[in-house]
Amino acid sequence: MDYSKENQNWDSLSYVEKNHQLYLKQKALLDQFLEKGAISQAQHDKSLHDLIEKMDKKE
């Protein structure tokens, strides 16, 4: 993986775009946890709700 290229791409994003990318990564991680049975549906839903609330406050 070319981290310097990844960092350049990240640096070119706006604040809102960075927040959106972080949201997508966090949501994907939550979805993986649910899929693998590491968390319950209720835990997934609560965590996703909390994530959405935090993201809304940042924008």
Protein backbone atom coordinates (compact mmCIF):
# COMPACT_ATOMS: atom_id res chain seq x y z
CA MET A 1 0.00 0.00 0.00
CA ASP A 2 1.37 3.41 -0.94
CA TYR A 3 0.80 5.51 2.17
CA SER A 4 2.27 8.68 0.71
CA LYS A 5 -0.30 8.61 -2.11
CA GLU A 6 -3.07 7.84 0.39
CA ASN A 7 -1.96 10.78 2.56
CA GLN A 8 -1.94 13.09 -0.46
CA ASN A 9 -5.48 12.04 -1.31
CA TRP A 10 -6.55 12.56 2.30
CA ASP A 11 -4.90 15.98 2.44
CA SER A 12 -6.82 17.10 -0.63
CA LEU A 13 -10.20 16.38 0.97
CA SER A 14 -12.28 19.07 2.64
CA TYR A 15 -13.26 18.83 6.30
CA VAL A 16 -16.76 17.62 5.35
CA GLU A 17 -15.34 15.03 2.93
CA LYS A 18 -12.94 13.73 5.58
CA ASN A 19 -15.79 13.40 8.07
CA HIS A 20 -17.87 11.54 5.49
CA GLN A 21 -15.01 9.12 4.77
CA LEU A 22 -14.53 8.51 8.50
CA TYR A 23 -18.25 7.85 8.87
CA LEU A 24 -18.18 5.32 6.02
CA LYS A 25 -15.20 3.50 7.54
CA GLN A 26 -16.79 3.37 10.99
CA LYS A 27 -20.11 2.15 9.59
CA ALA A 28 -18.36 -0.56 7.57
CA LEU A 29 -16.55 -1.69 10.71
CA LEU A 30 -19.81 -1.85 12.67
CA ASP A 31 -21.40 -3.82 9.84
CA GLN A 32 -18.49 -6.30 9.89
CA PHE A 33 -18.80 -6.74 13.65
CA LEU A 34 -22.49 -7.48 13.26
CA GLU A 35 -21.90 -9.86 10.36
CA LYS A 36 -19.30 -11.83 12.34
CA GLY A 37 -21.51 -11.97 15.44
CA ALA A 38 -19.13 -9.87 17.52
CA ILE A 39 -21.97 -7.50 18.45
CA SER A 40 -25.73 -7.84 18.62
CA GLN A 41 -28.18 -6.02 16.36
CA ALA A 42 -29.09 -3.79 19.31
CA GLN A 43 -25.42 -2.89 19.89
CA HIS A 44 -24.97 -2.19 16.18
CA ASP A 45 -28.05 0.02 16.05
CA LYS A 46 -27.05 1.97 19.18
CA SER A 47 -23.49 2.47 17.96
CA LEU A 48 -24.66 3.56 14.53
CA HIS A 49 -27.16 5.98 16.09
CA ASP A 50 -24.40 7.44 18.30
CA LEU A 51 -22.06 7.73 15.32
CA ILE A 52 -24.68 9.57 13.26
CA GLU A 53 -25.37 11.96 16.14
CA LYS A 54 -21.67 12.74 16.54
CA MET A 55 -21.23 13.30 12.82
CA ASP A 56 -24.24 15.63 12.71
CA LYS A 57 -22.71 17.76 15.48
CA LYS A 58 -19.44 18.15 13.57
CA GLU A 59 -20.97 19.52 10.38
